[in-house]
Amino acid sequence: MAEDHTEERMNFIIEQQARFAVDMQLLQQSVKELGQKQAHTDDMLRGLVDVSMSLARHVEEMDQRLNRLADFQEHSDQRLDMVADLLRQHLESHHGVGGKRLQE
């Protein structure tokens, strides 16, 4: 009987070792797959960072262009006011029309 008990223990240990080996193989495969997925995720994240940086540069450039356009518009408004003043002066001096500002 002692031999049966020892043999049962040995079979149990062997069985546990076999299960452990299978579990380790599955775990190693899972780790490998996760590593591959992580590498893919890292690549995608790098791409997103690149796109974000590019968009930030474009937004900054657009902001600068809009500021230049606003400056140009301000100068155009000033020049248009000057033309309106000249026209008003001309009308006052040559046609007797005066005192009223031209519609803007």
Foldseek 3Di string as FASTA:
>chain_A
DVVVVVVVVVVVVVVVVVVVVVVVVVVVVVVVVVVVVVVVVVVVVVVVVVVVVVVVVVVVVVVVVVVVVVVVVVVVVVVVQVVQVVVQVCCCVPVVDHDDGDDD
